[in-house]
Amino acid sequence: VGEAEARAKASGKPLLYEFSAEWCGPCKIMQREVFANAK
């Protein structure tokens, strides 16, 4: 979090925040299907 805004300003890219929880079932599925997917 502390570095994100500075990196976004320097790169001109938008920030993407992913709010999740360890106990959240849909979060785990999204992890498997989106964040673990190479593309």
Full PDB file with SEQRES, HELIX, SHEET, SSBOND, CRYST1, ORIGX, SCALE, CONECT and MASTER records, all heavy atoms in Angstrom:
SEQRES   1 A   39  VAL GLY GLU ALA GLU ALA ARG ALA LYS ALA SER GLY LYS          
SEQRES   2 A   39  PRO LEU LEU TYR GLU PHE SER ALA GLU TRP CYS GLY PRO          
SEQRES   3 A   39  CYS LYS ILE MET GLN ARG GLU VAL PHE ALA ASN ALA LYS          
HELIX    1 AA1 ALA A    4  SER A   11  1                                   8    
HELIX    2 AA2 GLY A   25  MET A   30  1                                   6    
HELIX    3 AA3 GLN A   31  PHE A   35  3                                   5    
SSBOND   1 CYS A   24    CYS A   27                          1555   1555  2.41  
CRYST1    1.000    1.000    1.000  90.00  90.00  90.00 P 1           1          
ORIGX1      1.000000  0.000000  0.000000        0.00000                         
ORIGX2      0.000000  1.000000  0.000000        0.00000                         
ORIGX3      0.000000  0.000000  1.000000        0.00000                         
SCALE1      1.000000  0.000000  0.000000        0.00000                         
SCALE2      0.000000  1.000000  0.000000        0.00000                         
SCALE3      0.000000  0.000000  1.000000        0.00000                         
ATOM      1  N   VAL A   1       0.824  -1.210   0.000  1.00  0.00           N  
ATOM      2  CA  VAL A   1       0.000   0.000   0.000  1.00  0.00           C  
ATOM      3  C   VAL A   1       0.859   1.261   0.000  1.00  0.00           C  
ATOM      4  O   VAL A   1       0.603   2.191  -0.762  1.00  0.00           O  
ATOM      5  CB  VAL A   1      -0.957   0.001   1.216  1.00  0.00           C  
ATOM      6  CG1 VAL A   1      -1.737   1.292   1.302  1.00  0.00           C  
ATOM      7  CG2 VAL A   1      -1.899  -1.176   1.150  1.00  0.00           C  
ATOM      8  N   GLY A   2       1.883   1.313   0.832  1.00  0.00           N  
ATOM      9  CA  GLY A   2       2.695   2.515   0.965  1.00  0.00           C  
ATOM     10  C   GLY A   2       3.414   2.943  -0.307  1.00  0.00           C  
ATOM     11  O   GLY A   2       3.674   4.127  -0.504  1.00  0.00           O  
ATOM     12  N   GLU A   3       3.730   2.008  -1.186  1.00  0.00           N  
ATOM     13  CA  GLU A   3       4.450   2.327  -2.428  1.00  0.00           C  
ATOM     14  C   GLU A   3       3.530   2.504  -3.628  1.00  0.00           C  
ATOM     15  O   GLU A   3       3.939   3.045  -4.650  1.00  0.00           O  
ATOM     16  CB  GLU A   3       5.427   1.190  -2.757  1.00  0.00           C  
ATOM     17  CG  GLU A   3       6.492   0.950  -1.732  1.00  0.00           C  
ATOM     18  CD  GLU A   3       7.305  -0.299  -2.052  1.00  0.00           C  
ATOM     19  OE1 GLU A   3       7.167  -0.858  -3.156  1.00  0.00           O  
ATOM     20  OE2 GLU A   3       8.080  -0.719  -1.187  1.00  0.00           O  
ATOM     21  N   ALA A   4       2.310   2.061  -3.525  1.00  0.00           N  
ATOM     22  CA  ALA A   4       1.429   1.968  -4.688  1.00  0.00           C  
ATOM     23  C   ALA A   4       1.132   3.322  -5.337  1.00  0.00           C  
ATOM     24  O   ALA A   4       1.226   3.456  -6.555  1.00  0.00           O  
ATOM     25  CB  ALA A   4       0.130   1.279  -4.305  1.00  0.00           C  
ATOM     26  N   GLU A   5       0.741   4.306  -4.550  1.00  0.00           N  
ATOM     27  CA  GLU A   5       0.375   5.598  -5.134  1.00  0.00           C  
ATOM     28  C   GLU A   5       1.555   6.255  -5.834  1.00  0.00           C  
ATOM     29  O   GLU A   5       1.400   6.805  -6.922  1.00  0.00           O  
ATOM     30  CB  GLU A   5      -0.224   6.513  -4.071  1.00  0.00           C  
ATOM     31  CG  GLU A   5      -1.624   6.082  -3.674  1.00  0.00           C  
ATOM     32  CD  GLU A   5      -2.312   7.052  -2.737  1.00  0.00           C  
ATOM     33  OE1 GLU A   5      -1.875   8.224  -2.631  1.00  0.00           O  
ATOM     34  OE2 GLU A   5      -3.303   6.643  -2.112  1.00  0.00           O  
ATOM     35  N   ALA A   6       2.738   6.183  -5.242  1.00  0.00           N  
ATOM     36  CA  ALA A   6       3.927   6.764  -5.879  1.00  0.00           C  
ATOM     37  C   ALA A   6       4.240   6.047  -7.195  1.00  0.00           C  
ATOM     38  O   ALA A   6       4.556   6.699  -8.199  1.00  0.00           O  
ATOM     39  CB  ALA A   6       5.119   6.700  -4.932  1.00  0.00           C  
ATOM     40  N   ARG A   7       4.133   4.735  -7.197  1.00  0.00           N  
ATOM     41  CA  ARG A   7       4.388   3.978  -8.432  1.00  0.00           C  
ATOM     42  C   ARG A   7       3.345   4.284  -9.502  1.00  0.00           C  
ATOM     43  O   ARG A   7       3.662   4.371 -10.681  1.00  0.00           O  
ATOM     44  CB  ARG A   7       4.418   2.474  -8.141  1.00  0.00           C  
ATOM     45  CG  ARG A   7       5.689   2.066  -7.401  1.00  0.00           C  
ATOM     46  CD  ARG A   7       5.837   0.581  -7.290  1.00  0.00           C  
ATOM     47  NE  ARG A   7       5.863  -0.033  -8.608  1.00  0.00           N  
ATOM     48  CZ  ARG A   7       5.639  -1.316  -8.832  1.00  0.00           C  
ATOM     49  NH1 ARG A   7       5.365  -2.126  -7.829  1.00  0.00           N  
ATOM     50  NH2 ARG A   7       5.686  -1.803 -10.048  1.00  0.00           N  
ATOM     51  N   ALA A   8       2.095   4.464  -9.088  1.00  0.00           N  
ATOM     52  CA  ALA A   8       1.035   4.791 -10.047  1.00  0.00           C  
ATOM     53  C   ALA A   8       1.285   6.167 -10.667  1.00  0.00           C  
ATOM     54  O   ALA A   8       1.136   6.346 -11.881  1.00  0.00           O  
ATOM     55  CB  ALA A   8      -0.329   4.746  -9.366  1.00  0.00           C  
ATOM     56  N   LYS A   9       1.671   7.145  -9.854  1.00  0.00           N  
ATOM     57  CA  LYS A   9       1.964   8.489 -10.375  1.00  0.00           C  
ATOM     58  C   LYS A   9       3.138   8.451 -11.344  1.00  0.00           C  
ATOM     59  O   LYS A   9       3.100   9.061 -12.405  1.00  0.00           O  
ATOM     60  CB  LYS A   9       2.260   9.455  -9.227  1.00  0.00           C  
ATOM     61  CG  LYS A   9       1.026   9.933  -8.517  1.00  0.00           C  
ATOM     62  CD  LYS A   9       1.386  10.933  -7.433  1.00  0.00           C  
ATOM     63  CE  LYS A   9       0.137  11.347  -6.672  1.00  0.00           C  
ATOM     64  NZ  LYS A   9       0.438  12.280  -5.594  1.00  0.00           N  
ATOM     65  N   ALA A  10       4.175   7.732 -10.973  1.00  0.00           N  
ATOM     66  CA  ALA A  10       5.373   7.669 -11.814  1.00  0.00           C  
ATOM     67  C   ALA A  10       5.104   6.955 -13.140  1.00  0.00           C  
ATOM     68  O   ALA A  10       5.646   7.338 -14.169  1.00  0.00           O  
ATOM     69  CB  ALA A  10       6.503   6.968 -11.059  1.00  0.00           C  
ATOM     70  N   SER A  11       4.242   5.935 -13.112  1.00  0.00           N  
ATOM     71  CA  SER A  11       3.998   5.142 -14.324  1.00  0.00           C  
ATOM     72  C   SER A  11       2.805   5.630 -15.141  1.00  0.00           C  
ATOM     73  O   SER A  11       2.690   5.301 -16.314  1.00  0.00           O  
ATOM     74  CB  SER A  11       3.768   3.679 -13.946  1.00  0.00           C  
ATOM     75  OG  SER A  11       2.546   3.552 -13.241  1.00  0.00           O  
ATOM     76  N   GLY A  12       1.904   6.382 -14.515  1.00  0.00           N  
ATOM     77  CA  GLY A  12       0.684   6.811 -15.189  1.00  0.00           C  
ATOM     78  C   GLY A  12      -0.372   5.709 -15.256  1.00  0.00           C  
ATOM     79  O   GLY A  12      -1.416   5.875 -15.874  1.00  0.00           O  
ATOM     80  N   LYS A  13      -0.109   4.583 -14.611  1.00  0.00           N  
ATOM     81  CA  LYS A  13      -1.062   3.462 -14.608  1.00  0.00           C  
ATOM     82  C   LYS A  13      -2.082   3.655 -13.488  1.00  0.00           C  
ATOM     83  O   LYS A  13      -1.777   4.238 -12.454  1.00  0.00           O  
ATOM     84  CB  LYS A  13      -0.333   2.137 -14.354  1.00  0.00           C  
ATOM     85  CG  LYS A  13       0.613   1.712 -15.436  1.00  0.00           C  
ATOM     86  CD  LYS A  13       1.279   0.394 -15.031  1.00  0.00           C  
ATOM     87  CE  LYS A  13       2.281  -0.073 -16.041  1.00  0.00           C  
ATOM     88  NZ  LYS A  13       2.922  -1.335 -15.622  1.00  0.00           N  
ATOM     89  N   PRO A  14      -3.280   3.114 -13.692  1.00  0.00           N  
ATOM     90  CA  PRO A  14      -4.250   3.146 -12.593  1.00  0.00           C  
ATOM     91  C   PRO A  14      -3.881   2.136 -11.510  1.00  0.00           C  
ATOM     92  O   PRO A  14      -3.175   1.165 -11.773  1.00  0.00           O  
ATOM     93  CB  PRO A  14      -5.570   2.766 -13.264  1.00  0.00           C  
ATOM     94  CG  PRO A  14      -5.189   2.042 -14.504  1.00  0.00           C  
ATOM     95  CD  PRO A  14      -3.830   2.543 -14.917  1.00  0.00           C  
ATOM     96  N   LEU A  15      -4.362   2.392 -10.315  1.00  0.00           N  
ATOM     97  CA  LEU A  15      -4.211   1.442  -9.207  1.00  0.00           C  
ATOM     98  C   LEU A  15      -5.318   0.408  -9.298  1.00  0.00           C  
ATOM     99  O   LEU A  15      -6.457   0.738  -9.665  1.00  0.00           O  
ATOM    100  CB  LEU A  15      -4.340   2.165  -7.866  1.00  0.00           C  
ATOM    101  CG  LEU A  15      -3.168   3.027  -7.436  1.00  0.00           C  
ATOM    102  CD1 LEU A  15      -3.602   4.005  -6.362  1.00  0.00           C  
ATOM    103  CD2 LEU A  15      -2.056   2.150  -6.912  1.00  0.00           C  
ATOM    104  N   LEU A  16      -5.004  -0.817  -8.968  1.00  0.00           N  
ATOM    105  CA  LEU A  16      -6.016  -1.861  -8.841  1.00  0.00           C  
ATOM    106  C   LEU A  16      -5.930  -2.392  -7.416  1.00  0.00           C  
ATOM    107  O   LEU A  16      -4.931  -3.005  -7.030  1.00  0.00           O  
ATOM    108  CB  LEU A  16      -5.779  -3.015  -9.825  1.00  0.00           C  
ATOM    109  CG  LEU A  16      -6.662  -4.244  -9.600  1.00  0.00           C  
ATOM    110  CD1 LEU A  16      -8.132  -3.928  -9.841  1.00  0.00           C  
ATOM    111  CD2 LEU A  16      -6.206  -5.401 -10.469  1.00  0.00           C  
ATOM    112  N   TYR A  17      -6.953  -2.096  -6.622  1.00  0.00           N  
ATOM    113  CA  TYR A  17      -7.027  -2.637  -5.268  1.00  0.00           C  
ATOM    114  C   TYR A  17      -7.898  -3.886  -5.305  1.00  0.00           C  
ATOM    115  O   TYR A  17      -8.990  -3.875  -5.875  1.00  0.00           O  
ATOM    116  CB  TYR A  17      -7.666  -1.634  -4.304  1.00  0.00           C  
ATOM    117  CG  TYR A  17      -6.809  -0.444  -3.979  1.00  0.00           C  
ATOM    118  CD1 TYR A  17      -7.082   0.800  -4.540  1.00  0.00           C  
ATOM    119  CD2 TYR A  17      -5.738  -0.547  -3.091  1.00  0.00           C  
ATOM    120  CE1 TYR A  17      -6.310   1.907  -4.234  1.00  0.00           C  
ATOM    121  CE2 TYR A  17      -4.958   0.556  -2.782  1.00  0.00           C  
ATOM    122  CZ  TYR A  17      -5.253   1.779  -3.356  1.00  0.00           C  
ATOM    123  OH  TYR A  17      -4.484   2.867  -3.041  1.00  0.00           O  
ATOM    124  N   GLU A  18      -7.397  -4.948  -4.699  1.00  0.00           N  
ATOM    125  CA  GLU A  18      -8.185  -6.164  -4.536  1.00  0.00           C  
ATOM    126  C   GLU A  18      -8.415  -6.342  -3.045  1.00  0.00           C  
ATOM    127  O   GLU A  18      -7.480  -6.579  -2.281  1.00  0.00           O  
ATOM    128  CB  GLU A  18      -7.454  -7.385  -5.107  1.00  0.00           C  
ATOM    129  CG  GLU A  18      -8.319  -8.624  -5.086  1.00  0.00           C  
ATOM    130  CD  GLU A  18      -7.800  -9.734  -4.199  1.00  0.00           C  
ATOM    131  OE1 GLU A  18      -6.661  -9.660  -3.726  1.00  0.00           O  
ATOM    132  OE2 GLU A  18      -8.555 -10.689  -3.958  1.00  0.00           O  
ATOM    133  N   PHE A  19      -9.658  -6.164  -2.605  1.00  0.00           N  
ATOM    134  CA  PHE A  19     -10.024  -6.333  -1.207  1.00  0.00           C  
ATOM    135  C   PHE A  19     -10.544  -7.755  -1.043  1.00  0.00           C  
ATOM    136  O   PHE A  19     -11.514  -8.152  -1.699  1.00  0.00           O  
ATOM    137  CB  PHE A  19     -11.110  -5.328  -0.803  1.00  0.00           C  
ATOM    138  CG  PHE A  19     -10.626  -3.911  -0.746  1.00  0.00           C  
ATOM    139  CD1 PHE A  19     -10.654  -3.109  -1.878  1.00  0.00           C  
ATOM    140  CD2 PHE A  19     -10.136  -3.374   0.438  1.00  0.00           C  
ATOM    141  CE1 PHE A  19     -10.204  -1.801  -1.847  1.00  0.00           C  
ATOM    142  CE2 PHE A  19      -9.687  -2.063   0.489  1.00  0.00           C  
ATOM    143  CZ  PHE A  19      -9.715  -1.273  -0.655  1.00  0.00           C  
ATOM    144  N   SER A  20      -9.880  -8.531  -0.181  1.00  0.00           N  
ATOM    145  CA  SER A  20     -10.278  -9.923   0.016  1.00  0.00           C  
ATOM    146  C   SER A  20     -10.014 -10.331   1.458  1.00  0.00           C  
ATOM    147  O   SER A  20      -9.508  -9.547   2.251  1.00  0.00           O  
ATOM    148  CB  SER A  20      -9.528 -10.838  -0.951  1.00  0.00           C  
ATOM    149  OG  SER A  20      -8.148 -10.799  -0.683  1.00  0.00           O  
ATOM    150  N   ALA A  21     -10.368 -11.561   1.772  1.00  0.00           N  
ATOM    151  CA  ALA A  21     -10.174 -12.093   3.119  1.00  0.00           C  
ATOM    152  C   ALA A  21      -9.783 -13.562   3.030  1.00  0.00           C  
ATOM    153  O   ALA A  21     -10.199 -14.265   2.108  1.00  0.00           O  
ATOM    154  CB  ALA A  21     -11.455 -11.939   3.936  1.00  0.00           C  
ATOM    155  N   GLU A  22      -8.997 -13.998   3.995  1.00  0.00           N  
ATOM    156  CA  GLU A  22      -8.562 -15.398   4.020  1.00  0.00           C  
ATOM    157  C   GLU A  22      -9.735 -16.358   4.174  1.00  0.00           C  
ATOM    158  O   GLU A  22      -9.695 -17.476   3.680  1.00  0.00           O  
ATOM    159  CB  GLU A  22      -7.565 -15.627   5.154  1.00  0.00           C  
ATOM    160  CG  GLU A  22      -6.228 -14.977   4.900  1.00  0.00           C  
ATOM    161  CD  GLU A  22      -5.235 -15.199   6.026  1.00  0.00           C  
ATOM    162  OE1 GLU A  22      -5.632 -15.706   7.098  1.00  0.00           O  
ATOM    163  OE2 GLU A  22      -4.067 -14.857   5.844  1.00  0.00           O  
ATOM    164  N   TRP A  23     -10.785 -15.944   4.848  1.00  0.00           N  
ATOM    165  CA  TRP A  23     -11.929 -16.804   5.105  1.00  0.00           C  
ATOM    166  C   TRP A  23     -12.985 -16.746   4.000  1.00  0.00           C  
ATOM    167  O   TRP A  23     -14.006 -17.414   4.076  1.00  0.00           O  
ATOM    168  CB  TRP A  23     -12.580 -16.430   6.440  1.00  0.00           C  
ATOM    169  CG  TRP A  23     -12.746 -14.946   6.634  1.00  0.00           C  
ATOM    170  CD1 TRP A  23     -11.919 -14.131   7.347  1.00  0.00           C  
ATOM    171  CD2 TRP A  23     -13.775 -14.111   6.101  1.00  0.00           C  
ATOM    172  NE1 TRP A  23     -12.374 -12.837   7.281  1.00  0.00           N  
ATOM    173  CE2 TRP A  23     -13.512 -12.799   6.524  1.00  0.00           C  
ATOM    174  CE3 TRP A  23     -14.884 -14.333   5.307  1.00  0.00           C  
ATOM    175  CZ2 TRP A  23     -14.316 -11.719   6.191  1.00  0.00           C  
ATOM    176  CZ3 TRP A  23     -15.690 -13.262   4.963  1.00  0.00           C  
ATOM    177  CH2 TRP A  23     -15.407 -11.970   5.404  1.00  0.00           C  
ATOM    178  N   CYS A  24     -12.750 -15.973   2.953  1.00  0.00           N  
ATOM    179  CA  CYS A  24     -13.737 -15.717   1.900  1.00  0.00           C  
ATOM    180  C   CYS A  24     -13.633 -16.761   0.784  1.00  0.00           C  
ATOM    181  O   CYS A  24     -12.636 -16.804   0.057  1.00  0.00           O  
ATOM    182  CB  CYS A  24     -13.522 -14.307   1.355  1.00  0.00           C  
ATOM    183  SG  CYS A  24     -14.402 -13.934  -0.158  1.00  0.00           S  
ATOM    184  N   GLY A  25     -14.663 -17.588   0.632  1.00  0.00           N  
ATOM    185  CA  GLY A  25     -14.678 -18.617  -0.410  1.00  0.00           C  
ATOM    186  C   GLY A  25     -14.579 -18.059  -1.819  1.00  0.00           C  
ATOM    187  O   GLY A  25     -13.742 -18.506  -2.612  1.00  0.00           O  
ATOM    188  N   PRO A  26     -15.420 -17.060  -2.202  1.00  0.00           N  
ATOM    189  CA  PRO A  26     -15.310 -16.488  -3.548  1.00  0.00           C  
ATOM    190  C   PRO A  26     -13.940 -15.846  -3.812  1.00  0.00           C  
ATOM    191  O   PRO A  26     -13.458 -15.856  -4.944  1.00  0.00           O  
ATOM    192  CB  PRO A  26     -16.429 -15.447  -3.593  1.00  0.00           C  
ATOM    193  CG  PRO A  26     -17.432 -15.941  -2.601  1.00  0.00           C  
ATOM    194  CD  PRO A  26     -16.618 -16.589  -1.513  1.00  0.00           C  
ATOM    195  N   CYS A  27     -13.295 -15.317  -2.770  1.00  0.00           N  
ATOM    196  CA  CYS A  27     -11.953 -14.740  -2.924  1.00  0.00           C  
ATOM    197  C   CYS A  27     -10.954 -15.830  -3.335  1.00  0.00           C  
ATOM    198  O   CYS A  27     -10.101 -15.609  -4.199  1.00  0.00           O  
ATOM    199  CB  CYS A  27     -11.482 -14.085  -1.631  1.00  0.00           C  
ATOM    200  SG  CYS A  27     -12.515 -12.729  -1.053  1.00  0.00           S  
ATOM    201  N   LYS A  28     -11.084 -16.996  -2.726  1.00  0.00           N  
ATOM    202  CA  LYS A  28     -10.191 -18.108  -3.053  1.00  0.00           C  
ATOM    203  C   LYS A  28     -10.410 -18.592  -4.481  1.00  0.00           C  
ATOM    204  O   LYS A  28      -9.460 -18.927  -5.183  1.00  0.00           O  
ATOM    205  CB  LYS A  28     -10.387 -19.252  -2.062  1.00  0.00           C  
ATOM    206  CG  LYS A  28      -9.912 -18.921  -0.659  1.00  0.00           C  
ATOM    207  CD  LYS A  28     -10.219 -20.032   0.311  1.00  0.00           C  
ATOM    208  CE  LYS A  28      -9.821 -19.630   1.717  1.00  0.00           C  
ATOM    209  NZ  LYS A  28     -10.171 -20.645   2.695  1.00  0.00           N  
ATOM    210  N   ILE A  29     -11.678 -18.597  -4.900  1.00  0.00           N  
ATOM    211  CA  ILE A  29     -11.977 -19.018  -6.271  1.00  0.00           C  
ATOM    212  C   ILE A  29     -11.408 -18.003  -7.258  1.00  0.00           C  
ATOM    213  O   ILE A  29     -10.803 -18.373  -8.269  1.00  0.00           O  
ATOM    214  CB  ILE A  29     -13.493 -19.200  -6.463  1.00  0.00           C  
ATOM    215  CG1 ILE A  29     -13.995 -20.337  -5.578  1.00  0.00           C  
ATOM    216  CG2 ILE A  29     -13.823 -19.469  -7.921  1.00  0.00           C  
ATOM    217  CD1 ILE A  29     -15.507 -20.434  -5.487  1.00  0.00           C  
ATOM    218  N   MET A  30     -11.576 -16.699  -6.954  1.00  0.00           N  
ATOM    219  CA  MET A  30     -11.019 -15.666  -7.828  1.00  0.00           C  
ATOM    220  C   MET A  30      -9.495 -15.778  -7.875  1.00  0.00           C  
ATOM    221  O   MET A  30      -8.885 -15.619  -8.927  1.00  0.00           O  
ATOM    222  CB  MET A  30     -11.436 -14.262  -7.380  1.00  0.00           C  
ATOM    223  CG  MET A  30     -10.969 -13.181  -8.338  1.00  0.00           C  
ATOM    224  SD  MET A  30     -11.762 -11.566  -8.125  1.00  0.00           S  
ATOM    225  CE  MET A  30     -11.270 -11.124  -6.488  1.00  0.00           C  
ATOM    226  N   GLN A  31      -8.881 -16.070  -6.759  1.00  0.00           N  
ATOM    227  CA  GLN A  31      -7.432 -16.267  -6.714  1.00  0.00           C  
ATOM    228  C   GLN A  31      -7.018 -17.356  -7.687  1.00  0.00           C  
ATOM    229  O   GLN A  31      -6.099 -17.200  -8.477  1.00  0.00           O  
ATOM    230  CB  GLN A  31      -6.989 -16.619  -5.292  1.00  0.00           C  
ATOM    231  CG  GLN A  31      -5.574 -17.139  -5.165  1.00  0.00           C  
ATOM    232  CD  GLN A  31      -4.532 -16.119  -5.547  1.00  0.00           C  
ATOM    233  OE1 GLN A  31      -4.695 -14.943  -5.300  1.00  0.00           O  
ATOM    234  NE2 GLN A  31      -3.460 -16.567  -6.171  1.00  0.00           N  
ATOM    235  N   ARG A  32      -7.725 -18.483  -7.622  1.00  0.00           N  
ATOM    236  CA  ARG A  32      -7.413 -19.634  -8.473  1.00  0.00           C  
ATOM    237  C   ARG A  32      -7.674 -19.347  -9.952  1.00  0.00           C  
ATOM    238  O   ARG A  32      -6.873 -19.690 -10.805  1.00  0.00           O  
ATOM    239  CB  ARG A  32      -8.280 -20.813  -8.012  1.00  0.00           C  
ATOM    240  CG  ARG A  32      -7.588 -22.094  -7.886  1.00  0.00           C  
ATOM    241  CD  ARG A  32      -8.443 -23.250  -7.397  1.00  0.00           C  
ATOM    242  NE  ARG A  32      -9.877 -23.140  -7.466  1.00  0.00           N  
ATOM    243  CZ  ARG A  32     -10.677 -23.022  -6.398  1.00  0.00           C  
ATOM    244  NH1 ARG A  32     -10.163 -22.985  -5.194  1.00  0.00           N  
ATOM    245  NH2 ARG A  32     -11.972 -22.950  -6.540  1.00  0.00           N  
ATOM    246  N   GLU A  33      -8.812 -18.708 -10.243  1.00  0.00           N  
ATOM    247  CA  GLU A  33      -9.237 -18.544 -11.626  1.00  0.00           C  
ATOM    248  C   GLU A  33      -8.698 -17.296 -12.317  1.00  0.00           C  
ATOM    249  O   GLU A  33      -8.615 -17.270 -13.547  1.00  0.00           O  
ATOM    250  CB  GLU A  33     -10.767 -18.531 -11.701  1.00  0.00           C  
ATOM    251  CG  GLU A  33     -11.386 -19.841 -11.296  1.00  0.00           C  
ATOM    252  CD  GLU A  33     -12.905 -19.845 -11.343  1.00  0.00           C  
ATOM    253  OE1 GLU A  33     -13.512 -18.777 -11.599  1.00  0.00           O  
ATOM    254  OE2 GLU A  33     -13.488 -20.912 -11.124  1.00  0.00           O  
ATOM    255  N   VAL A  34      -8.357 -16.261 -11.553  1.00  0.00           N  
ATOM    256  CA  VAL A  34      -7.905 -15.001 -12.168  1.00  0.00           C  
ATOM    257  C   VAL A  34      -6.435 -14.726 -11.874  1.00  0.00           C  
ATOM    258  O   VAL A  34      -5.626 -14.571 -12.782  1.00  0.00           O  
ATOM    259  CB  VAL A  34      -8.788 -13.805 -11.719  1.00  0.00           C  
ATOM    260  CG1 VAL A  34      -8.273 -12.496 -12.302  1.00  0.00           C  
ATOM    261  CG2 VAL A  34     -10.240 -14.034 -12.126  1.00  0.00           C  
ATOM    262  N   PHE A  35      -6.065 -14.661 -10.601  1.00  0.00           N  
ATOM    263  CA  PHE A  35      -4.711 -14.242 -10.238  1.00  0.00           C  
ATOM    264  C   PHE A  35      -3.666 -15.333 -10.449  1.00  0.00           C  
ATOM    265  O   PHE A  35      -2.479 -15.045 -10.538  1.00  0.00           O  
ATOM    266  CB  PHE A  35      -4.669 -13.727  -8.800  1.00  0.00           C  
ATOM    267  CG  PHE A  35      -5.646 -12.608  -8.559  1.00  0.00           C  
ATOM    268  CD1 PHE A  35      -6.518 -12.651  -7.491  1.00  0.00           C  
ATOM    269  CD2 PHE A  35      -5.716 -11.522  -9.417  1.00  0.00           C  
ATOM    270  CE1 PHE A  35      -7.428 -11.629  -7.270  1.00  0.00           C  
ATOM    271  CE2 PHE A  35      -6.624 -10.498  -9.212  1.00  0.00           C  
ATOM    272  CZ  PHE A  35      -7.480 -10.555  -8.132  1.00  0.00           C  
ATOM    273  N   ALA A  36      -4.089 -16.584 -10.534  1.00  0.00           N  
ATOM    274  CA  ALA A  36      -3.158 -17.685 -10.821  1.00  0.00           C  
ATOM    275  C   ALA A  36      -3.148 -18.023 -12.308  1.00  0.00           C  
ATOM    276  O   ALA A  36      -2.419 -18.897 -12.739  1.00  0.00           O  
ATOM    277  CB  ALA A  36      -3.526 -18.922 -10.003  1.00  0.00           C  
ATOM    278  N   ASN A  37      -3.932 -17.303 -13.110  1.00  0.00           N  
ATOM    279  CA  ASN A  37      -4.000 -17.508 -14.552  1.00  0.00           C  
ATOM    280  C   ASN A  37      -2.956 -16.618 -15.233  1.00  0.00           C  
ATOM    281  O   ASN A  37      -2.940 -15.400 -15.025  1.00  0.00           O  
ATOM    282  CB  ASN A  37      -5.410 -17.159 -15.046  1.00  0.00           C  
ATOM    283  CG  ASN A  37      -5.544 -17.269 -16.541  1.00  0.00           C  
ATOM    284  OD1 ASN A  37      -5.062 -16.399 -17.267  1.00  0.00           O  
ATOM    285  ND2 ASN A  37      -6.194 -18.308 -16.999  1.00  0.00           N  
ATOM    286  N   ALA A  38      -2.095 -17.208 -16.043  1.00  0.00           N  
ATOM    287  CA  ALA A  38      -0.984 -16.463 -16.648  1.00  0.00           C  
ATOM    288  C   ALA A  38      -1.465 -15.305 -17.513  1.00  0.00           C  
ATOM    289  O   ALA A  38      -0.902 -14.201 -17.451  1.00  0.00           O  
ATOM    290  CB  ALA A  38      -0.105 -17.406 -17.473  1.00  0.00           C  
ATOM    291  N   LYS A  39      -2.503 -15.507 -18.293  1.00  0.00           N  
ATOM    292  CA  LYS A  39      -2.975 -14.464 -19.205  1.00  0.00           C  
ATOM    293  C   LYS A  39      -3.579 -13.276 -18.451  1.00  0.00           C  
ATOM    294  O   LYS A  39      -3.272 -12.119 -18.742  1.00  0.00           O  
ATOM    295  CB  LYS A  39      -3.997 -15.050 -20.184  1.00  0.00           C  
ATOM    296  CG  LYS A  39      -4.366 -14.119 -21.294  1.00  0.00           C  
ATOM    297  CD  LYS A  39      -5.237 -14.805 -22.324  1.00  0.00           C  
ATOM    298  CE  LYS A  39      -5.569 -13.851 -23.463  1.00  0.00           C  
ATOM    299  NZ  LYS A  39      -6.396 -14.490 -24.474  1.00  0.00           N  
TER     300      LYS A  39                                                      
CONECT  183  200                                                                
CONECT  200  183                                                                
MASTER        0    0    0    3    0    0    0    6  299    1    2    3          
END                                                                             
